[in-house]
PDB file of all heavy atoms in Angstrom:
ATOM      1  N   GLY A   1       0.794  -1.223   0.000  1.00  0.00           N
ATOM      2  CA  GLY A   1       0.000   0.000   0.000  1.00  0.00           C
ATOM      3  C   GLY A   1       0.823   1.267   0.000  1.00  0.00           C
ATOM      4  O   GLY A   1       0.290   2.368  -0.193  1.00  0.00           O
ATOM      5  N   GLN A   2       2.131   1.150   0.195  1.00  0.00           N
ATOM      6  CA  GLN A   2       3.008   2.327   0.188  1.00  0.00           C
ATOM      7  C   GLN A   2       3.510   2.594  -1.235  1.00  0.00           C
ATOM      8  O   GLN A   2       3.233   3.619  -1.825  1.00  0.00           O
ATOM      9  CB  GLN A   2       4.179   2.117   1.157  1.00  0.00           C
ATOM     10  CG  GLN A   2       3.752   1.898   2.601  1.00  0.00           C
ATOM     11  CD  GLN A   2       2.993   3.065   3.170  1.00  0.00           C
ATOM     12  OE1 GLN A   2       3.383   4.217   2.978  1.00  0.00           O
ATOM     13  NE2 GLN A   2       1.898   2.779   3.859  1.00  0.00           N
ATOM     14  N   GLY A   3       4.292   1.662  -1.771  1.00  0.00           N
ATOM     15  CA  GLY A   3       4.687   1.726  -3.175  1.00  0.00           C
ATOM     16  C   GLY A   3       5.740   2.738  -3.516  1.00  0.00           C
ATOM     17  O   GLY A   3       5.989   3.002  -4.686  1.00  0.00           O
ATOM     18  N   VAL A   4       6.376   3.338  -2.531  1.00  0.00           N
ATOM     19  CA  VAL A   4       7.355   4.388  -2.806  1.00  0.00           C
ATOM     20  C   VAL A   4       8.755   3.813  -2.699  1.00  0.00           C
ATOM     21  O   VAL A   4       9.188   3.406  -1.611  1.00  0.00           O
ATOM     22  CB  VAL A   4       7.203   5.563  -1.817  1.00  0.00           C
ATOM     23  CG1 VAL A   4       8.252   6.633  -2.080  1.00  0.00           C
ATOM     24  CG2 VAL A   4       5.802   6.154  -1.918  1.00  0.00           C
ATOM     25  N   LEU A   5       9.483   3.750  -3.803  1.00  0.00           N
ATOM     26  CA  LEU A   5      10.888   3.345  -3.762  1.00  0.00           C
ATOM     27  C   LEU A   5      11.693   4.505  -3.197  1.00  0.00           C
ATOM     28  O   LEU A   5      11.698   5.604  -3.764  1.00  0.00           O
ATOM     29  CB  LEU A   5      11.395   2.981  -5.164  1.00  0.00           C
ATOM     30  CG  LEU A   5      12.865   2.573  -5.236  1.00  0.00           C
ATOM     31  CD1 LEU A   5      13.125   1.310  -4.424  1.00  0.00           C
ATOM     32  CD2 LEU A   5      13.283   2.362  -6.690  1.00  0.00           C
ATOM     33  N   MET A   6      12.366   4.264  -2.098  1.00  0.00           N
ATOM     34  CA  MET A   6      12.979   5.359  -1.354  1.00  0.00           C
ATOM     35  C   MET A   6      14.344   5.749  -1.892  1.00  0.00           C
ATOM     36  O   MET A   6      15.391   5.533  -1.289  1.00  0.00           O
ATOM     37  CB  MET A   6      13.064   4.985   0.129  1.00  0.00           C
ATOM     38  CG  MET A   6      11.710   4.843   0.804  1.00  0.00           C
ATOM     39  SD  MET A   6      10.668   6.328   0.614  1.00  0.00           S
ATOM     40  CE  MET A   6      11.644   7.527   1.523  1.00  0.00           C
ATOM     41  N   HIS A   7      14.339   6.327  -3.066  1.00  0.00           N
ATOM     42  CA  HIS A   7      15.571   6.849  -3.654  1.00  0.00           C
ATOM     43  C   HIS A   7      15.198   7.892  -4.706  1.00  0.00           C
ATOM     44  O   HIS A   7      14.230   7.704  -5.447  1.00  0.00           O
ATOM     45  CB  HIS A   7      16.398   5.733  -4.297  1.00  0.00           C
ATOM     46  CG  HIS A   7      17.864   6.031  -4.338  1.00  0.00           C
ATOM     47  ND1 HIS A   7      18.721   5.708  -3.305  1.00  0.00           N
ATOM     48  CD2 HIS A   7      18.623   6.642  -5.264  1.00  0.00           C
ATOM     49  CE1 HIS A   7      19.953   6.098  -3.605  1.00  0.00           C
ATOM     50  NE2 HIS A   7      19.912   6.662  -4.796  1.00  0.00           N
ATOM     51  N   GLY A   8      15.965   8.967  -4.785  1.00  0.00           N
ATOM     52  CA  GLY A   8      15.671  10.011  -5.769  1.00  0.00           C
ATOM     53  C   GLY A   8      16.845  10.946  -5.967  1.00  0.00           C
ATOM     54  O   GLY A   8      16.911  12.015  -5.364  1.00  0.00           O
ATOM     55  N   PRO A   9      17.826  10.560  -6.817  1.00  0.00           N
ATOM     56  CA  PRO A   9      19.002  11.402  -7.032  1.00  0.00           C
ATOM     57  C   PRO A   9      18.636  12.771  -7.606  1.00  0.00           C
ATOM     58  O   PRO A   9      17.717  12.893  -8.418  1.00  0.00           O
ATOM     59  CB  PRO A   9      19.833  10.612  -8.048  1.00  0.00           C
ATOM     60  CG  PRO A   9      19.332   9.205  -7.946  1.00  0.00           C
ATOM     61  CD  PRO A   9      17.895   9.306  -7.577  1.00  0.00           C
ATOM     62  N   THR A  10      19.375  13.791  -7.205  1.00  0.00           N
ATOM     63  CA  THR A  10      19.126  15.150  -7.687  1.00  0.00           C
ATOM     64  C   THR A  10      19.204  15.224  -9.207  1.00  0.00           C
ATOM     65  O   THR A  10      18.387  15.885  -9.851  1.00  0.00           O
ATOM     66  CB  THR A  10      20.152  16.126  -7.069  1.00  0.00           C
ATOM     67  OG1 THR A  10      20.016  16.098  -5.648  1.00  0.00           O
ATOM     68  CG2 THR A  10      19.931  17.539  -7.572  1.00  0.00           C
ATOM     69  N   PHE A  11      20.206  14.546  -9.776  1.00  0.00           N
ATOM     70  CA  PHE A  11      20.388  14.603 -11.228  1.00  0.00           C
ATOM     71  C   PHE A  11      19.807  13.373 -11.930  1.00  0.00           C
ATOM     72  O   PHE A  11      20.235  13.013 -13.019  1.00  0.00           O
ATOM     73  CB  PHE A  11      21.872  14.771 -11.569  1.00  0.00           C
ATOM     74  CG  PHE A  11      22.370  16.175 -11.329  1.00  0.00           C
ATOM     75  CD1 PHE A  11      22.890  16.544 -10.107  1.00  0.00           C
ATOM     76  CD2 PHE A  11      22.272  17.142 -12.322  1.00  0.00           C
ATOM     77  CE1 PHE A  11      23.333  17.830  -9.868  1.00  0.00           C
ATOM     78  CE2 PHE A  11      22.707  18.439 -12.105  1.00  0.00           C
ATOM     79  CZ  PHE A  11      23.241  18.792 -10.876  1.00  0.00           C
ATOM     80  N   MET A  12      18.811  12.772 -11.320  1.00  0.00           N
ATOM     81  CA  MET A  12      18.150  11.603 -11.895  1.00  0.00           C
ATOM     82  C   MET A  12      17.573  11.927 -13.273  1.00  0.00           C
ATOM     83  O   MET A  12      16.901  12.930 -13.467  1.00  0.00           O
ATOM     84  CB  MET A  12      17.033  11.149 -10.960  1.00  0.00           C
ATOM     85  CG  MET A  12      16.307   9.893 -11.403  1.00  0.00           C
ATOM     86  SD  MET A  12      15.086   9.409 -10.143  1.00  0.00           S
ATOM     87  CE  MET A  12      14.376   7.968 -10.915  1.00  0.00           C
ATOM     88  N   GLY A  13      17.871  11.053 -14.246  1.00  0.00           N
ATOM     89  CA  GLY A  13      17.320  11.228 -15.588  1.00  0.00           C
ATOM     90  C   GLY A  13      17.805  12.480 -16.284  1.00  0.00           C
ATOM     91  O   GLY A  13      17.081  13.057 -17.106  1.00  0.00           O
ATOM     92  N   ASN A  14      19.026  12.911 -16.005  1.00  0.00           N
ATOM     93  CA  ASN A  14      19.558  14.129 -16.626  1.00  0.00           C
ATOM     94  C   ASN A  14      19.357  14.104 -18.145  1.00  0.00           C
ATOM     95  O   ASN A  14      19.746  13.138 -18.815  1.00  0.00           O
ATOM     96  CB  ASN A  14      21.037  14.269 -16.286  1.00  0.00           C
ATOM     97  CG  ASN A  14      21.692  15.406 -17.035  1.00  0.00           C
ATOM     98  OD1 ASN A  14      22.362  15.182 -18.031  1.00  0.00           O
ATOM     99  ND2 ASN A  14      21.496  16.620 -16.557  1.00  0.00           N
ATOM    100  N   PRO A  15      18.731  15.141 -18.735  1.00  0.00           N
ATOM    101  CA  PRO A  15      18.424  15.125 -20.165  1.00  0.00           C
ATOM    102  C   PRO A  15      19.641  15.007 -21.073  1.00  0.00           C
ATOM    103  O   PRO A  15      19.574  14.332 -22.106  1.00  0.00           O
ATOM    104  CB  PRO A  15      17.700  16.464 -20.389  1.00  0.00           C
ATOM    105  CG  PRO A  15      17.131  16.817 -19.054  1.00  0.00           C
ATOM    106  CD  PRO A  15      18.118  16.314 -18.057  1.00  0.00           C
ATOM    107  N   LEU A  16      20.749  15.667 -20.715  1.00  0.00           N
ATOM    108  CA  LEU A  16      21.960  15.557 -21.539  1.00  0.00           C
ATOM    109  C   LEU A  16      22.455  14.117 -21.562  1.00  0.00           C
ATOM    110  O   LEU A  16      22.782  13.573 -22.617  1.00  0.00           O
ATOM    111  CB  LEU A  16      23.055  16.478 -21.007  1.00  0.00           C
ATOM    112  CG  LEU A  16      22.882  17.977 -21.201  1.00  0.00           C
ATOM    113  CD1 LEU A  16      24.040  18.719 -20.531  1.00  0.00           C
ATOM    114  CD2 LEU A  16      22.835  18.335 -22.683  1.00  0.00           C
ATOM    115  N   ALA A  17      22.526  13.499 -20.386  1.00  0.00           N
ATOM    116  CA  ALA A  17      23.010  12.124 -20.297  1.00  0.00           C
ATOM    117  C   ALA A  17      22.077  11.164 -21.031  1.00  0.00           C
ATOM    118  O   ALA A  17      22.529  10.272 -21.749  1.00  0.00           O
ATOM    119  CB  ALA A  17      23.162  11.717 -18.833  1.00  0.00           C
ATOM    120  N   CYS A  18      20.781  11.339 -20.849  1.00  0.00           N
ATOM    121  CA  CYS A  18      19.818  10.463 -21.529  1.00  0.00           C
ATOM    122  C   CYS A  18      19.899  10.619 -23.044  1.00  0.00           C
ATOM    123  O   CYS A  18      19.823   9.634 -23.790  1.00  0.00           O
ATOM    124  CB  CYS A  18      18.403  10.748 -21.042  1.00  0.00           C
ATOM    125  SG  CYS A  18      18.071  10.222 -19.344  1.00  0.00           S
ATOM    126  N   SER A  19      20.066  11.849 -23.512  1.00  0.00           N
ATOM    127  CA  SER A  19      20.137  12.090 -24.957  1.00  0.00           C
ATOM    128  C   SER A  19      21.340  11.407 -25.588  1.00  0.00           C
ATOM    129  O   SER A  19      21.231  10.763 -26.637  1.00  0.00           O
ATOM    130  CB  SER A  19      20.205  13.597 -25.228  1.00  0.00           C
ATOM    131  OG  SER A  19      18.999  14.223 -24.882  1.00  0.00           O
ATOM    132  N   VAL A  20      22.486  11.547 -24.947  1.00  0.00           N
ATOM    133  CA  VAL A  20      23.683  10.945 -25.532  1.00  0.00           C
ATOM    134  C   VAL A  20      23.636   9.428 -25.381  1.00  0.00           C
ATOM    135  O   VAL A  20      24.156   8.697 -26.239  1.00  0.00           O
ATOM    136  CB  VAL A  20      24.969  11.555 -24.930  1.00  0.00           C
ATOM    137  CG1 VAL A  20      25.243  11.046 -23.536  1.00  0.00           C
ATOM    138  CG2 VAL A  20      26.159  11.314 -25.843  1.00  0.00           C
ATOM    139  N   ALA A  21      22.983   8.920 -24.335  1.00  0.00           N
ATOM    140  CA  ALA A  21      22.830   7.476 -24.192  1.00  0.00           C
ATOM    141  C   ALA A  21      21.970   6.903 -25.313  1.00  0.00           C
ATOM    142  O   ALA A  21      22.301   5.859 -25.894  1.00  0.00           O
ATOM    143  CB  ALA A  21      22.207   7.144 -22.834  1.00  0.00           C
ATOM    144  N   VAL A  22      20.868   7.579 -25.637  1.00  0.00           N
ATOM    145  CA  VAL A  22      20.018   7.141 -26.746  1.00  0.00           C
ATOM    146  C   VAL A  22      20.827   7.093 -28.040  1.00  0.00           C
ATOM    147  O   VAL A  22      20.759   6.120 -28.804  1.00  0.00           O
ATOM    148  CB  VAL A  22      18.802   8.075 -26.901  1.00  0.00           C
ATOM    149  CG1 VAL A  22      18.066   7.803 -28.213  1.00  0.00           C
ATOM    150  CG2 VAL A  22      17.852   7.914 -25.721  1.00  0.00           C
ATOM    151  N   ALA A  23      21.607   8.134 -28.291  1.00  0.00           N
ATOM    152  CA  ALA A  23      22.405   8.199 -29.515  1.00  0.00           C
ATOM    153  C   ALA A  23      23.484   7.115 -29.532  1.00  0.00           C
ATOM    154  O   ALA A  23      23.752   6.497 -30.568  1.00  0.00           O
ATOM    155  CB  ALA A  23      23.044   9.581 -29.643  1.00  0.00           C
ATOM    156  N   SER A  24      24.109   6.879 -28.384  1.00  0.00           N
ATOM    157  CA  SER A  24      25.175   5.882 -28.311  1.00  0.00           C
ATOM    158  C   SER A  24      24.649   4.475 -28.549  1.00  0.00           C
ATOM    159  O   SER A  24      25.263   3.690 -29.294  1.00  0.00           O
ATOM    160  CB  SER A  24      25.860   5.961 -26.942  1.00  0.00           C
ATOM    161  OG  SER A  24      26.866   4.975 -26.835  1.00  0.00           O
ATOM    162  N   ILE A  25      23.526   4.142 -27.941  1.00  0.00           N
ATOM    163  CA  ILE A  25      22.956   2.801 -28.124  1.00  0.00           C
ATOM    164  C   ILE A  25      22.517   2.602 -29.570  1.00  0.00           C
ATOM    165  O   ILE A  25      22.744   1.538 -30.170  1.00  0.00           O
ATOM    166  CB  ILE A  25      21.788   2.578 -27.149  1.00  0.00           C
ATOM    167  CG1 ILE A  25      22.304   2.570 -25.705  1.00  0.00           C
ATOM    168  CG2 ILE A  25      21.067   1.263 -27.459  1.00  0.00           C
ATOM    169  CD1 ILE A  25      21.215   2.603 -24.662  1.00  0.00           C
ATOM    170  N   LYS A  26      21.899   3.623 -30.140  1.00  0.00           N
ATOM    171  CA  LYS A  26      21.481   3.536 -31.548  1.00  0.00           C
ATOM    172  C   LYS A  26      22.694   3.338 -32.453  1.00  0.00           C
ATOM    173  O   LYS A  26      22.681   2.507 -33.372  1.00  0.00           O
ATOM    174  CB  LYS A  26      20.726   4.803 -31.941  1.00  0.00           C
ATOM    175  CG  LYS A  26      20.121   4.801 -33.344  1.00  0.00           C
ATOM    176  CD  LYS A  26      19.233   6.021 -33.542  1.00  0.00           C
ATOM    177  CE  LYS A  26      18.527   5.987 -34.899  1.00  0.00           C
ATOM    178  NZ  LYS A  26      19.452   6.218 -36.020  1.00  0.00           N
ATOM    179  N   LEU A  27      23.747   4.085 -32.184  1.00  0.00           N
ATOM    180  CA  LEU A  27      24.979   3.977 -32.975  1.00  0.00           C
ATOM    181  C   LEU A  27      25.558   2.570 -32.857  1.00  0.00           C
ATOM    182  O   LEU A  27      26.008   1.977 -33.852  1.00  0.00           O
ATOM    183  CB  LEU A  27      25.989   5.012 -32.478  1.00  0.00           C
ATOM    184  CG  LEU A  27      27.256   5.240 -33.297  1.00  0.00           C
ATOM    185  CD1 LEU A  27      26.926   5.785 -34.677  1.00  0.00           C
ATOM    186  CD2 LEU A  27      28.186   6.206 -32.549  1.00  0.00           C
ATOM    187  N   LEU A  28      25.535   2.003 -31.653  1.00  0.00           N
ATOM    188  CA  LEU A  28      26.053   0.657 -31.451  1.00  0.00           C
ATOM    189  C   LEU A  28      25.232  -0.370 -32.215  1.00  0.00           C
ATOM    190  O   LEU A  28      25.776  -1.205 -32.948  1.00  0.00           O
ATOM    191  CB  LEU A  28      26.052   0.324 -29.954  1.00  0.00           C
ATOM    192  CG  LEU A  28      26.497  -1.077 -29.571  1.00  0.00           C
ATOM    193  CD1 LEU A  28      27.970  -1.274 -29.857  1.00  0.00           C
ATOM    194  CD2 LEU A  28      26.179  -1.376 -28.106  1.00  0.00           C
ATOM    195  N   LEU A  29      23.913  -0.310 -32.066  1.00  0.00           N
ATOM    196  CA  LEU A  29      23.044  -1.313 -32.672  1.00  0.00           C
ATOM    197  C   LEU A  29      23.066  -1.256 -34.194  1.00  0.00           C
ATOM    198  O   LEU A  29      22.845  -2.272 -34.863  1.00  0.00           O
ATOM    199  CB  LEU A  29      21.613  -1.154 -32.156  1.00  0.00           C
ATOM    200  CG  LEU A  29      21.414  -1.383 -30.654  1.00  0.00           C
ATOM    201  CD1 LEU A  29      19.958  -1.163 -30.273  1.00  0.00           C
ATOM    202  CD2 LEU A  29      21.879  -2.765 -30.231  1.00  0.00           C
TER     203      LEU A  29
END
């Protein structure tokens, strides 16, 4: 009934990091 994972980094899901990760994986595949 709680459902809250107790973690939340300040820079979680950083857009710059996510963008380059998407590009890197696509480039690899």
